[in-house]
Amino acid sequence: MIFKDLPKRLSRGITLVSSPYYEADSVAFIHFMIHGELLYIDMMAVAPAHRRQRLGKTLMSQAEQYAGSRGCRRAKVMVDQGNSRAHTFYRKLGYKTIRYIDQSECYELEKTLPLRG
C-alpha cells in the first residue's frame, strides 16, 4: 500500500474506529465499502498493544451488520500472501479462500452474509 493513496481511499466508503474511552486515541479501525450486494473490507488494523481484545472481531461484526441491513449478501476481503495472522483471523470469522491473485500477491476471501430484514 502506498501511504499517499490513503486519503483518497478513506474518502470513499465508511470507517469505524475503536478507542478505549471517549476522546481517547483510536486503537483499531476498519474501512469498508458497499457495492450493491457486496461488502468490501478495504482495510483493518489493530494497534499491537490492543490485539487479542476482540476489537477486530467486533469491528468486523459491526461492518457486516451494517452492510447486511443495507442489503449486502456477500462480504469480500483481500489478504496479503505473507499475512498468515490475518488469513487465520478471517477464516475463523467464516471467510473462505476463493483464489490466489498472482498479480497482487494476495488471497481473496469471501463470506455469505445472513439475510437481515
N, C-alpha and C. Protein backbone atom coordinates (compact mmCIF):
# COMPACT_ATOMS: atom_id res chain seq x y z
N MET A 1 0.85 -1.18 0.00
CA MET A 1 0.00 0.00 0.00
C MET A 1 0.89 1.24 0.00
N ILE A 2 0.46 2.24 -0.72
CA ILE A 2 1.19 3.49 -0.80
C ILE A 2 0.47 4.51 0.09
N PHE A 3 1.20 5.06 1.05
CA PHE A 3 0.58 5.93 2.04
C PHE A 3 -0.05 7.18 1.44
N LYS A 4 0.50 7.68 0.34
CA LYS A 4 -0.08 8.88 -0.27
C LYS A 4 -1.48 8.60 -0.82
N ASP A 5 -1.82 7.33 -1.06
CA ASP A 5 -3.14 6.96 -1.56
C ASP A 5 -4.19 6.85 -0.46
N LEU A 6 -3.76 6.85 0.79
CA LEU A 6 -4.71 6.65 1.90
C LEU A 6 -5.83 7.68 1.96
N PRO A 7 -5.56 8.98 1.87
CA PRO A 7 -6.68 9.94 1.95
C PRO A 7 -7.75 9.68 0.89
N LYS A 8 -7.32 9.36 -0.32
CA LYS A 8 -8.30 9.09 -1.38
C LYS A 8 -9.11 7.84 -1.06
N ARG A 9 -8.42 6.78 -0.61
CA ARG A 9 -9.13 5.54 -0.27
C ARG A 9 -10.11 5.77 0.87
N LEU A 10 -9.69 6.51 1.88
CA LEU A 10 -10.55 6.74 3.04
C LEU A 10 -11.71 7.69 2.73
N SER A 11 -11.60 8.46 1.67
CA SER A 11 -12.70 9.37 1.31
C SER A 11 -13.89 8.61 0.73
N ARG A 12 -13.65 7.38 0.29
CA ARG A 12 -14.72 6.53 -0.23
C ARG A 12 -15.06 5.50 0.84
N GLY A 13 -16.31 5.24 1.02
CA GLY A 13 -16.70 4.20 1.96
C GLY A 13 -16.91 4.71 3.37
N ILE A 14 -16.82 3.79 4.31
CA ILE A 14 -17.14 4.05 5.72
C ILE A 14 -15.99 3.56 6.58
N THR A 15 -15.65 4.34 7.59
CA THR A 15 -14.60 3.95 8.53
C THR A 15 -15.19 3.94 9.93
N LEU A 16 -15.00 2.83 10.63
CA LEU A 16 -15.37 2.72 12.04
C LEU A 16 -14.08 2.65 12.84
N VAL A 17 -14.06 3.29 13.99
CA VAL A 17 -12.86 3.28 14.84
C VAL A 17 -13.23 2.80 16.23
N SER A 18 -12.22 2.31 16.93
CA SER A 18 -12.40 1.85 18.31
C SER A 18 -11.37 2.56 19.17
N SER A 19 -11.82 3.03 20.33
CA SER A 19 -10.91 3.64 21.29
C SER A 19 -11.32 3.17 22.68
N PRO A 20 -10.38 3.17 23.62
CA PRO A 20 -10.69 2.61 24.94
C PRO A 20 -11.72 3.42 25.73
N TYR A 21 -11.82 4.71 25.46
CA TYR A 21 -12.82 5.55 26.11
C TYR A 21 -13.04 6.80 25.27
N TYR A 22 -14.08 7.52 25.58
CA TYR A 22 -14.45 8.71 24.82
C TYR A 22 -13.29 9.70 24.76
N GLU A 23 -13.00 10.21 23.57
CA GLU A 23 -11.95 11.18 23.29
C GLU A 23 -10.52 10.61 23.42
N ALA A 24 -10.40 9.31 23.58
CA ALA A 24 -9.07 8.68 23.59
C ALA A 24 -8.63 8.46 22.15
N ASP A 25 -7.34 8.27 21.95
CA ASP A 25 -6.83 7.95 20.63
C ASP A 25 -7.41 6.63 20.14
N SER A 26 -7.60 6.52 18.85
CA SER A 26 -8.09 5.27 18.26
C SER A 26 -7.03 4.18 18.41
N VAL A 27 -7.49 2.96 18.66
CA VAL A 27 -6.58 1.82 18.77
C VAL A 27 -6.86 0.76 17.70
N ALA A 28 -7.96 0.93 16.96
CA ALA A 28 -8.31 -0.01 15.89
C ALA A 28 -9.26 0.70 14.93
N PHE A 29 -9.25 0.24 13.68
CA PHE A 29 -10.20 0.79 12.72
C PHE A 29 -10.49 -0.25 11.64
N ILE A 30 -11.62 -0.05 10.99
CA ILE A 30 -11.98 -0.82 9.80
C ILE A 30 -12.52 0.16 8.78
N HIS A 31 -12.14 -0.03 7.54
CA HIS A 31 -12.65 0.80 6.45
C HIS A 31 -13.26 -0.15 5.42
N PHE A 32 -14.50 0.15 5.01
CA PHE A 32 -15.18 -0.74 4.07
C PHE A 32 -16.04 0.06 3.10
N MET A 33 -16.41 -0.62 2.02
CA MET A 33 -17.27 -0.03 1.01
C MET A 33 -18.38 -1.01 0.68
N ILE A 34 -19.49 -0.47 0.26
CA ILE A 34 -20.62 -1.29 -0.17
C ILE A 34 -20.84 -1.06 -1.65
N HIS A 35 -20.84 -2.15 -2.39
CA HIS A 35 -21.08 -2.11 -3.84
C HIS A 35 -22.25 -3.03 -4.12
N GLY A 36 -23.44 -2.47 -4.18
CA GLY A 36 -24.63 -3.28 -4.41
C GLY A 36 -24.82 -4.28 -3.28
N GLU A 37 -24.77 -5.57 -3.60
CA GLU A 37 -24.94 -6.61 -2.59
C GLU A 37 -23.61 -7.09 -2.02
N LEU A 38 -22.52 -6.36 -2.28
CA LEU A 38 -21.19 -6.76 -1.82
C LEU A 38 -20.62 -5.79 -0.80
N LEU A 39 -20.21 -6.34 0.33
CA LEU A 39 -19.43 -5.59 1.32
C LEU A 39 -17.97 -5.87 1.02
N TYR A 40 -17.20 -4.82 0.80
CA TYR A 40 -15.77 -5.00 0.54
C TYR A 40 -14.99 -4.39 1.70
N ILE A 41 -14.28 -5.25 2.43
CA ILE A 41 -13.42 -4.79 3.53
C ILE A 41 -12.14 -4.29 2.89
N ASP A 42 -11.89 -3.00 2.97
CA ASP A 42 -10.74 -2.40 2.31
C ASP A 42 -9.50 -2.44 3.21
N MET A 43 -9.65 -2.06 4.46
CA MET A 43 -8.52 -2.03 5.40
C MET A 43 -9.04 -2.28 6.81
N MET A 44 -8.18 -2.92 7.60
CA MET A 44 -8.47 -3.06 9.02
C MET A 44 -7.14 -3.18 9.75
N ALA A 45 -7.06 -2.55 10.92
CA ALA A 45 -5.84 -2.64 11.71
C ALA A 45 -6.18 -2.46 13.19
N VAL A 46 -5.40 -3.16 14.01
CA VAL A 46 -5.50 -3.04 15.47
C VAL A 46 -4.08 -2.78 15.97
N ALA A 47 -3.94 -1.76 16.80
CA ALA A 47 -2.62 -1.44 17.36
C ALA A 47 -2.09 -2.65 18.11
N PRO A 48 -0.79 -2.96 17.96
CA PRO A 48 -0.22 -4.16 18.60
C PRO A 48 -0.53 -4.29 20.10
N ALA A 49 -0.49 -3.21 20.83
CA ALA A 49 -0.76 -3.27 22.28
C ALA A 49 -2.21 -3.59 22.61
N HIS A 50 -3.09 -3.54 21.61
CA HIS A 50 -4.52 -3.77 21.86
C HIS A 50 -5.04 -5.01 21.15
N ARG A 51 -4.16 -5.83 20.63
CA ARG A 51 -4.60 -7.06 19.98
C ARG A 51 -5.04 -8.07 21.02
N ARG A 52 -5.79 -9.06 20.56
CA ARG A 52 -6.31 -10.14 21.41
C ARG A 52 -7.32 -9.62 22.43
N GLN A 53 -8.01 -8.53 22.06
CA GLN A 53 -9.07 -7.96 22.90
C GLN A 53 -10.42 -7.98 22.18
N ARG A 54 -10.49 -8.72 21.08
CA ARG A 54 -11.71 -8.89 20.28
C ARG A 54 -12.13 -7.62 19.53
N LEU A 55 -11.23 -6.64 19.42
CA LEU A 55 -11.57 -5.41 18.72
C LEU A 55 -11.78 -5.66 17.23
N GLY A 56 -10.91 -6.43 16.61
CA GLY A 56 -11.06 -6.75 15.20
C GLY A 56 -12.36 -7.50 14.93
N LYS A 57 -12.64 -8.47 15.78
CA LYS A 57 -13.87 -9.25 15.63
C LYS A 57 -15.10 -8.35 15.78
N THR A 58 -15.06 -7.45 16.74
CA THR A 58 -16.18 -6.54 16.96
C THR A 58 -16.36 -5.59 15.77
N LEU A 59 -15.26 -5.03 15.27
CA LEU A 59 -15.36 -4.15 14.11
C LEU A 59 -15.89 -4.89 12.89
N MET A 60 -15.44 -6.11 12.67
CA MET A 60 -15.94 -6.90 11.54
C MET A 60 -17.44 -7.16 11.69
N SER A 61 -17.86 -7.50 12.89
CA SER A 61 -19.27 -7.76 13.14
C SER A 61 -20.11 -6.51 12.86
N GLN A 62 -19.63 -5.36 13.30
CA GLN A 62 -20.36 -4.10 13.07
C GLN A 62 -20.46 -3.80 11.56
N ALA A 63 -19.35 -3.99 10.85
CA ALA A 63 -19.36 -3.74 9.41
C ALA A 63 -20.32 -4.69 8.70
N GLU A 64 -20.29 -5.96 9.08
CA GLU A 64 -21.16 -6.96 8.45
C GLU A 64 -22.63 -6.68 8.76
N GLN A 65 -22.92 -6.29 9.99
CA GLN A 65 -24.31 -5.97 10.36
C GLN A 65 -24.80 -4.74 9.60
N TYR A 66 -23.96 -3.72 9.54
CA TYR A 66 -24.32 -2.51 8.81
C TYR A 66 -24.61 -2.84 7.34
N ALA A 67 -23.71 -3.58 6.72
CA ALA A 67 -23.87 -3.94 5.31
C ALA A 67 -25.10 -4.82 5.10
N GLY A 68 -25.28 -5.78 6.00
CA GLY A 68 -26.44 -6.66 5.89
C GLY A 68 -27.75 -5.89 5.97
N SER A 69 -27.79 -4.87 6.81
CA SER A 69 -29.02 -4.07 6.96
C SER A 69 -29.29 -3.22 5.72
N ARG A 70 -28.30 -3.11 4.85
CA ARG A 70 -28.43 -2.36 3.61
C ARG A 70 -28.47 -3.27 2.39
N GLY A 71 -28.74 -4.56 2.62
CA GLY A 71 -28.97 -5.48 1.52
C GLY A 71 -27.77 -6.25 1.01
N CYS A 72 -26.64 -6.13 1.68
CA CYS A 72 -25.47 -6.89 1.23
C CYS A 72 -25.68 -8.37 1.52
N ARG A 73 -25.30 -9.20 0.57
CA ARG A 73 -25.45 -10.64 0.71
C ARG A 73 -24.10 -11.35 0.84
N ARG A 74 -23.01 -10.65 0.40
CA ARG A 74 -21.67 -11.24 0.45
C ARG A 74 -20.69 -10.21 0.99
N ALA A 75 -19.62 -10.73 1.59
CA ALA A 75 -18.52 -9.88 2.04
C ALA A 75 -17.23 -10.43 1.45
N LYS A 76 -16.33 -9.52 1.10
CA LYS A 76 -15.07 -9.91 0.48
C LYS A 76 -13.93 -9.14 1.11
N VAL A 77 -12.78 -9.80 1.21
CA VAL A 77 -11.57 -9.16 1.73
C VAL A 77 -10.37 -9.75 1.00
N MET A 78 -9.35 -8.94 0.82
CA MET A 78 -8.09 -9.40 0.22
C MET A 78 -7.04 -9.42 1.32
N VAL A 79 -6.26 -10.50 1.36
CA VAL A 79 -5.23 -10.66 2.39
C VAL A 79 -3.88 -10.89 1.70
N ASP A 80 -2.89 -10.09 2.10
CA ASP A 80 -1.54 -10.26 1.52
C ASP A 80 -1.02 -11.67 1.76
N GLN A 81 -0.27 -12.16 0.81
CA GLN A 81 0.25 -13.53 0.85
C GLN A 81 0.97 -13.83 2.17
N GLY A 82 1.79 -12.93 2.65
CA GLY A 82 2.58 -13.19 3.85
C GLY A 82 1.88 -12.93 5.16
N ASN A 83 0.61 -12.53 5.12
CA ASN A 83 -0.10 -12.18 6.34
C ASN A 83 -0.94 -13.36 6.85
N SER A 84 -0.27 -14.37 7.36
CA SER A 84 -0.98 -15.57 7.81
C SER A 84 -1.87 -15.29 9.01
N ARG A 85 -1.50 -14.33 9.84
CA ARG A 85 -2.33 -13.98 11.01
C ARG A 85 -3.70 -13.46 10.55
N ALA A 86 -3.71 -12.59 9.55
CA ALA A 86 -4.97 -12.06 9.04
C ALA A 86 -5.77 -13.17 8.35
N HIS A 87 -5.08 -14.01 7.60
CA HIS A 87 -5.77 -15.10 6.90
C HIS A 87 -6.49 -15.99 7.92
N THR A 88 -5.82 -16.34 8.98
CA THR A 88 -6.42 -17.17 10.04
C THR A 88 -7.59 -16.44 10.70
N PHE A 89 -7.41 -15.15 10.97
CA PHE A 89 -8.46 -14.33 11.59
C PHE A 89 -9.74 -14.38 10.77
N TYR A 90 -9.63 -14.11 9.47
CA TYR A 90 -10.83 -14.08 8.63
C TYR A 90 -11.44 -15.47 8.47
N ARG A 91 -10.63 -16.48 8.40
CA ARG A 91 -11.17 -17.84 8.29
C ARG A 91 -11.97 -18.20 9.54
N LYS A 92 -11.50 -17.78 10.70
CA LYS A 92 -12.24 -18.03 11.95
C LYS A 92 -13.59 -17.30 11.96
N LEU A 93 -13.70 -16.23 11.20
CA LEU A 93 -14.95 -15.48 11.10
C LEU A 93 -15.87 -16.01 10.01
N GLY A 94 -15.46 -17.11 9.36
CA GLY A 94 -16.32 -17.74 8.36
C GLY A 94 -15.98 -17.42 6.92
N TYR A 95 -14.90 -16.70 6.69
CA TYR A 95 -14.49 -16.39 5.32
C TYR A 95 -13.78 -17.59 4.72
N LYS A 96 -14.05 -17.82 3.45
CA LYS A 96 -13.43 -18.93 2.72
C LYS A 96 -12.49 -18.35 1.67
N THR A 97 -11.35 -19.00 1.50
CA THR A 97 -10.40 -18.57 0.48
C THR A 97 -10.95 -18.96 -0.89
N ILE A 98 -11.13 -17.98 -1.75
CA ILE A 98 -11.69 -18.19 -3.08
C ILE A 98 -10.58 -18.46 -4.09
N ARG A 99 -9.52 -17.62 -4.03
CA ARG A 99 -8.43 -17.76 -5.00
C ARG A 99 -7.22 -16.97 -4.55
N TYR A 100 -6.12 -17.28 -5.20
CA TYR A 100 -4.89 -16.51 -5.01
C TYR A 100 -4.69 -15.67 -6.26
N ILE A 101 -4.37 -14.39 -6.09
CA ILE A 101 -4.19 -13.50 -7.23
C ILE A 101 -2.70 -13.19 -7.35
N ASP A 102 -2.05 -13.78 -8.37
CA ASP A 102 -0.61 -13.62 -8.57
C ASP A 102 -0.19 -12.16 -8.71
N GLN A 103 -0.94 -11.41 -9.50
CA GLN A 103 -0.57 -10.03 -9.81
C GLN A 103 -0.41 -9.17 -8.55
N SER A 104 -1.30 -9.35 -7.59
CA SER A 104 -1.24 -8.54 -6.37
C SER A 104 -0.68 -9.32 -5.18
N GLU A 105 -0.33 -10.57 -5.40
CA GLU A 105 0.23 -11.43 -4.35
C GLU A 105 -0.65 -11.44 -3.09
N CYS A 106 -1.94 -11.68 -3.31
CA CYS A 106 -2.86 -11.74 -2.18
C CYS A 106 -3.94 -12.80 -2.41
N TYR A 107 -4.57 -13.16 -1.32
CA TYR A 107 -5.68 -14.11 -1.35
C TYR A 107 -6.99 -13.33 -1.30
N GLU A 108 -7.96 -13.82 -2.04
CA GLU A 108 -9.31 -13.28 -1.99
C GLU A 108 -10.15 -14.21 -1.13
N LEU A 109 -10.78 -13.66 -0.10
CA LEU A 109 -11.64 -14.44 0.78
C LEU A 109 -13.04 -13.87 0.70
N GLU A 110 -14.02 -14.75 0.88
CA GLU A 110 -15.41 -14.33 0.76
C GLU A 110 -16.28 -15.04 1.78
N LYS A 111 -17.37 -14.39 2.13
CA LYS A 111 -18.31 -14.95 3.11
C LYS A 111 -19.72 -14.53 2.69
N THR A 112 -20.66 -15.44 2.88
CA THR A 112 -22.07 -15.13 2.66
C THR A 112 -22.61 -14.50 3.93
N LEU A 113 -23.28 -13.37 3.78
CA LEU A 113 -23.86 -12.68 4.94
C LEU A 113 -25.28 -13.16 5.16
N PRO A 114 -25.70 -13.23 6.42
CA PRO A 114 -27.09 -13.65 6.69
C PRO A 114 -28.07 -12.58 6.22
N LEU A 115 -29.24 -13.02 5.78
CA LEU A 115 -30.27 -12.09 5.37
C LEU A 115 -30.77 -11.34 6.60
N ARG A 116 -30.95 -10.05 6.43
CA ARG A 116 -31.46 -9.22 7.53
C ARG A 116 -32.74 -8.56 7.03
N GLY A 117 -33.65 -8.39 7.92
CA GLY A 117 -34.88 -7.76 7.49
C GLY A 117 -35.51 -7.10 8.56
